[in-house]
Amino acid sequence: MADEEVSVLQSIFFDDLDVTFDNDNHPVSIRLTIHSNGDENDVDNEKRLLCVTVTFSLPSGYPIESPTVTLSKPRGLTDQQIDKLYEIINNCLKMNENNCVIYECIELIRGHLCQFDMPSEGCSICLSPMHDRKQIIRTQCYHYYHMSCLASYVTYKKLELEKEYNEAKRNGFYIKKGFLNDVDCPVCRQLLSNDILTKVQTLTNESHKKKIEDDIENVMTKTISPKVRLWQQQMEILYQQQKEKGGIIDLERNDLVFS
């Protein structure tokens, strides 16, 4: 029965499921990393903020004997949340004695990860709590940041890299051009993926565009002379007076039709 259950699980989770077999080709261990949202093939990584790896150690008498379940590599979870996961796993094992229970445990864990929803720790740069999912970005190394914080960090690091690149070039050293994209994670120093850098660059471009538009508007407002501003106010008053007296031609008003 355990062999059949493993075959079903492999058809669901494909290569994400890591199964260890003994010399007689019987499964003795099953391991899977479970994410908070979507299924294991979900392409929208932004939804997958939390994760934990679960390992089922199968005794020779499984499913008559219950498996031993171990949680490891939690990302974005508190100790209390991990304890809660162990509690629901133990309850699931008790309620399903003598039955195959692995898939049900997996779905229970996934469901509770979705309930936890948000990472427990604050932004690794500003250390402030994170409340808005849309403003959170998770790196491939599972560190969490506010989008704006990481965008500022990446901009700063790229300026530093550009200075190093130009300095090396002046001194006759060769450095590959891709060096300018070698931005590391502020926490673990692993290089950020191109996907992360692209998202951050998009945010930076949008913020820069808005800043330019705001600056232009501020400049235009400041450069208007007091005389022009007074004239604008007088024209607005005159317009309202003429409108009240019916002196304004309304081009959109329906024409009168005589028959």
Protein backbone atom coordinates (compact mmCIF):
# COMPACT_ATOMS: atom_id res chain seq x y z
CA MET A 1 0.00 0.00 0.00
CA ALA A 2 2.89 2.37 0.76
CA ASP A 3 4.30 1.75 -2.73
CA GLU A 4 0.97 2.72 -4.29
CA GLU A 5 0.75 5.87 -2.18
CA VAL A 6 4.26 6.91 -3.22
CA SER A 7 3.38 6.41 -6.90
CA VAL A 8 0.32 8.65 -6.51
CA LEU A 9 2.37 11.31 -4.70
CA GLN A 10 5.02 11.24 -7.43
CA SER A 11 2.33 11.76 -10.07
CA ILE A 12 1.14 14.84 -8.17
CA PHE A 13 4.40 16.48 -7.10
CA PHE A 14 6.80 15.15 -9.76
CA ASP A 15 10.47 15.96 -9.11
CA ASP A 16 9.65 18.11 -6.06
CA LEU A 17 9.06 14.89 -4.14
CA ASP A 18 12.27 13.31 -2.85
CA VAL A 19 11.81 9.60 -2.07
CA THR A 20 14.46 7.35 -0.52
CA PHE A 21 14.20 3.58 -0.97
CA ASP A 22 15.82 0.69 0.89
CA ASN A 23 17.67 -2.23 -0.70
CA ASP A 24 14.36 -3.98 -1.35
CA ASN A 25 13.05 -0.90 -3.19
CA HIS A 26 10.56 -0.04 -0.45
CA PRO A 27 10.12 3.66 0.43
CA VAL A 28 11.67 4.60 3.76
CA SER A 29 11.63 8.40 3.55
CA ILE A 30 9.61 11.05 1.71
CA ARG A 31 10.59 14.72 1.66
CA LEU A 32 8.82 17.72 0.16
CA THR A 33 9.10 21.51 0.45
CA ILE A 34 5.63 22.98 0.92
CA HIS A 35 4.83 26.60 0.04
CA SER A 36 2.15 28.89 1.41
CA ASN A 37 0.21 29.54 -1.81
CA GLY A 38 -0.47 27.79 -5.09
CA ASP A 39 0.70 24.31 -5.94
CA GLU A 40 4.27 23.12 -6.34
CA ASN A 41 4.22 24.15 -10.02
CA ASP A 42 2.88 27.66 -9.36
CA VAL A 43 4.82 30.04 -11.59
CA ASP A 44 3.84 33.10 -9.56
CA ASN A 45 6.67 33.08 -7.04
CA GLU A 46 5.45 36.28 -5.42
CA LYS A 47 2.61 34.29 -3.86
CA ARG A 48 4.95 31.78 -2.29
CA LEU A 49 6.20 33.80 0.66
CA LEU A 50 6.38 31.06 3.30
CA CYS A 51 7.70 27.53 3.10
CA VAL A 52 8.78 24.57 5.18
CA THR A 53 10.33 21.20 4.32
CA VAL A 54 8.51 18.15 5.68
CA THR A 55 10.11 14.70 5.96
CA PHE A 56 8.09 11.53 6.51
CA SER A 57 10.16 8.63 7.88
CA LEU A 58 8.24 5.45 7.07
CA PRO A 59 8.52 2.44 9.40
CA SER A 60 8.46 -1.04 7.89
CA GLY A 61 4.91 -1.49 9.17
CA TYR A 62 3.50 1.66 7.50
CA PRO A 63 0.59 2.44 7.24
CA ILE A 64 -0.32 0.27 10.25
CA GLU A 65 2.48 2.08 12.06
CA SER A 66 2.39 5.87 11.82
CA PRO A 67 5.29 7.70 10.14
CA THR A 68 7.62 10.05 11.99
CA VAL A 69 7.19 13.58 10.67
CA THR A 70 9.94 16.21 10.86
CA LEU A 71 9.76 19.88 9.83
CA SER A 72 12.94 21.65 8.73
CA LYS A 73 14.14 24.78 6.91
CA PRO A 74 11.16 26.97 7.85
CA ARG A 75 11.13 30.30 6.02
CA GLY A 76 9.11 33.22 7.37
CA LEU A 77 7.61 31.22 10.27
CA THR A 78 7.73 31.82 14.03
CA ASP A 79 8.45 29.10 16.59
CA GLN A 80 4.80 29.27 17.64
CA GLN A 81 3.65 28.66 14.08
CA ILE A 82 5.98 25.68 13.73
CA ASP A 83 4.60 24.26 17.01
CA LYS A 84 1.11 24.71 15.59
CA LEU A 85 2.07 22.73 12.48
CA TYR A 86 3.40 19.89 14.64
CA GLU A 87 0.15 19.93 16.59
CA ILE A 88 -2.06 19.54 13.51
CA ILE A 89 0.26 16.85 12.11
CA ASN A 90 0.02 14.80 15.32
CA ASN A 91 -3.77 15.16 15.33
CA CYS A 92 -3.89 14.05 11.70
CA LEU A 93 -1.79 10.96 12.46
CA LYS A 94 -4.04 10.00 15.38
CA MET A 95 -7.23 10.44 13.36
CA ASN A 96 -5.87 8.35 10.47
CA GLU A 97 -4.29 5.40 12.25
CA ASN A 98 -3.83 2.34 10.02
CA ASN A 99 -4.40 4.50 6.92
CA CYS A 100 -2.19 6.22 4.35
CA VAL A 101 -1.84 9.73 5.68
CA ILE A 102 0.99 11.50 3.85
CA TYR A 103 -1.08 13.45 1.31
CA GLU A 104 -3.54 14.59 3.96
CA CYS A 105 -0.69 15.84 6.15
CA ILE A 106 0.81 17.73 3.21
CA GLU A 107 -2.48 19.49 2.45
CA LEU A 108 -3.03 20.37 6.12
CA ILE A 109 0.42 21.93 6.32
CA ARG A 110 -0.15 23.86 3.10
CA GLY A 111 -3.54 25.09 4.32
CA HIS A 112 -2.08 26.45 7.55
CA LEU A 113 0.81 28.11 5.72
CA CYS A 114 -1.80 29.94 3.64
CA GLN A 115 -3.54 31.02 6.86
CA PHE A 116 -0.28 32.35 8.28
CA ASP A 117 0.07 34.16 4.93
CA MET A 118 2.66 36.83 5.79
CA PRO A 119 6.30 36.41 6.86
CA SER A 120 6.74 36.81 10.60
CA GLU A 121 9.95 38.86 10.53
CA GLY A 122 10.23 42.47 9.49
CA CYS A 123 12.03 43.87 6.46
CA SER A 124 15.68 42.80 6.63
CA ILE A 125 16.79 46.32 5.64
CA CYS A 126 14.60 48.77 7.59
CA LEU A 127 13.52 46.17 10.22
CA SER A 128 9.94 47.49 10.11
CA PRO A 129 6.97 45.09 10.01
CA MET A 130 5.50 44.12 6.65
CA HIS A 131 1.73 44.35 6.30
CA ASP A 132 1.01 44.78 2.59
CA ARG A 133 1.66 41.70 0.44
CA LYS A 134 2.00 43.89 -2.68
CA GLN A 135 4.92 45.75 -1.10
CA ILE A 136 6.87 42.59 -0.17
CA ILE A 137 9.55 41.01 -2.29
CA ARG A 138 11.13 37.66 -1.48
CA THR A 139 14.55 36.76 -2.79
CA GLN A 140 15.38 33.28 -4.03
CA CYS A 141 17.28 32.77 -0.76
CA TYR A 142 14.08 33.44 1.21
CA HIS A 143 14.85 36.82 2.72
CA TYR A 144 12.08 39.38 2.82
CA TYR A 145 12.16 43.10 2.04
CA HIS A 146 9.93 46.03 1.32
CA MET A 147 10.08 46.61 -2.43
CA SER A 148 11.14 50.23 -1.90
CA CYS A 149 13.89 49.26 0.56
CA LEU A 150 15.40 46.68 -1.76
CA ALA A 151 15.10 49.08 -4.72
CA SER A 152 17.11 51.71 -2.83
CA TYR A 153 19.69 49.11 -1.81
CA VAL A 154 20.10 47.80 -5.38
CA THR A 155 20.45 51.34 -6.75
CA TYR A 156 23.18 52.09 -4.19
CA LYS A 157 25.02 48.82 -4.86
CA LYS A 158 24.92 49.35 -8.62
CA LEU A 159 26.45 52.80 -8.21
CA GLU A 160 29.23 51.23 -6.13
CA LEU A 161 29.79 48.50 -8.73
CA GLU A 162 29.91 51.07 -11.51
CA LYS A 163 32.58 53.03 -9.63
CA GLU A 164 34.63 49.86 -9.14
CA TYR A 165 34.18 48.97 -12.82
CA ASN A 166 35.34 52.40 -14.03
CA GLU A 167 38.27 52.41 -11.61
CA ALA A 168 39.42 48.97 -12.77
CA LYS A 169 39.03 50.03 -16.40
CA ARG A 170 41.18 53.12 -15.85
CA ASN A 171 43.87 50.96 -14.28
CA GLY A 172 43.89 48.59 -17.24
CA PHE A 173 42.11 45.66 -15.57
CA TYR A 174 39.50 43.63 -17.42
CA ILE A 175 36.16 43.04 -15.70
CA LYS A 176 33.22 41.36 -17.39
CA LYS A 177 30.31 43.68 -18.09
CA GLY A 178 27.91 41.39 -16.21
CA PHE A 179 29.81 42.41 -13.07
CA LEU A 180 27.49 45.43 -12.87
CA ASN A 181 24.57 43.10 -12.11
CA ASP A 182 26.39 41.19 -9.36
CA VAL A 183 24.24 42.58 -6.56
CA ASP A 184 24.21 40.39 -3.47
CA CYS A 185 21.51 39.81 -0.88
CA PRO A 186 22.02 42.17 2.10
CA VAL A 187 21.62 39.25 4.53
CA CYS A 188 23.41 36.19 3.12
CA ARG A 189 25.45 37.75 0.25
CA GLN A 190 24.03 35.36 -2.33
CA LEU A 191 23.74 37.07 -5.73
CA LEU A 192 20.21 38.28 -6.43
CA SER A 193 18.51 36.62 -9.40
CA ASN A 194 17.86 38.49 -12.64
CA ASP A 195 14.10 38.26 -11.97
CA ILE A 196 14.51 40.10 -8.67
CA LEU A 197 16.73 42.76 -10.25
CA THR A 198 14.22 43.26 -13.08
CA LYS A 199 11.32 43.76 -10.65
CA VAL A 200 13.36 46.19 -8.59
CA GLN A 201 14.49 48.09 -11.70
CA THR A 202 10.87 48.41 -12.86
CA LEU A 203 9.90 49.90 -9.50
CA THR A 204 12.90 52.26 -9.60
CA ASN A 205 11.99 53.46 -13.11
CA GLU A 206 8.36 54.08 -12.10
CA SER A 207 9.42 55.97 -8.97
CA HIS A 208 11.95 58.01 -10.95
CA LYS A 209 9.33 58.89 -13.57
CA LYS A 210 6.86 60.01 -10.91
CA LYS A 211 9.55 62.09 -9.19
CA ILE A 212 10.36 63.86 -12.49
CA GLU A 213 6.66 64.57 -13.09
CA ASP A 214 6.27 65.91 -9.54
CA ASP A 215 9.40 68.05 -9.91
CA ILE A 216 8.11 69.53 -13.19
CA GLU A 217 4.76 70.31 -11.58
CA ASN A 218 6.47 71.95 -8.60
CA VAL A 219 8.71 74.03 -10.86
CA MET A 220 5.77 75.17 -12.98
CA THR A 221 3.83 76.11 -9.86
CA LYS A 222 6.73 78.06 -8.38
CA THR A 223 7.57 79.91 -11.61
CA ILE A 224 4.07 81.35 -12.12
CA SER A 225 4.28 85.04 -11.23
CA PRO A 226 1.86 86.59 -8.68
CA LYS A 227 0.31 88.71 -11.49
CA VAL A 228 -0.46 85.64 -13.62
CA ARG A 229 -1.85 83.81 -10.59
CA LEU A 230 -4.12 86.77 -9.79
CA TRP A 231 -5.27 86.93 -13.42
CA GLN A 232 -6.11 83.18 -13.32
CA GLN A 233 -8.23 83.70 -10.21
CA GLN A 234 -10.06 86.66 -11.77
CA MET A 235 -10.77 84.71 -14.97
CA GLU A 236 -12.18 81.82 -12.93
CA ILE A 237 -14.54 84.18 -11.07
CA LEU A 238 -15.64 85.79 -14.37
CA TYR A 239 -16.23 82.38 -15.93
CA GLN A 240 -18.47 81.29 -13.06
CA GLN A 241 -20.48 84.53 -13.26
CA GLN A 242 -21.04 84.15 -17.01
CA LYS A 243 -22.01 80.53 -16.58
CA GLU A 244 -24.65 81.42 -13.99
CA LYS A 245 -26.15 84.03 -16.37
CA GLY A 246 -26.24 81.59 -19.29
CA GLY A 247 -23.55 83.38 -21.19
CA ILE A 248 -21.45 80.28 -21.77
CA ILE A 249 -22.09 78.31 -24.96
CA ASP A 250 -22.46 74.62 -24.13
CA LEU A 251 -21.37 72.71 -27.23
CA GLU A 252 -22.44 69.40 -25.70
CA ARG A 253 -26.02 70.51 -24.96
CA ASN A 254 -28.62 68.84 -27.18
CA ASP A 255 -29.73 70.98 -30.13
CA LEU A 256 -33.39 72.03 -30.34
CA VAL A 257 -35.22 70.27 -33.14
CA PHE A 258 -38.21 71.97 -34.80
CA SER A 259 -40.66 70.00 -36.88
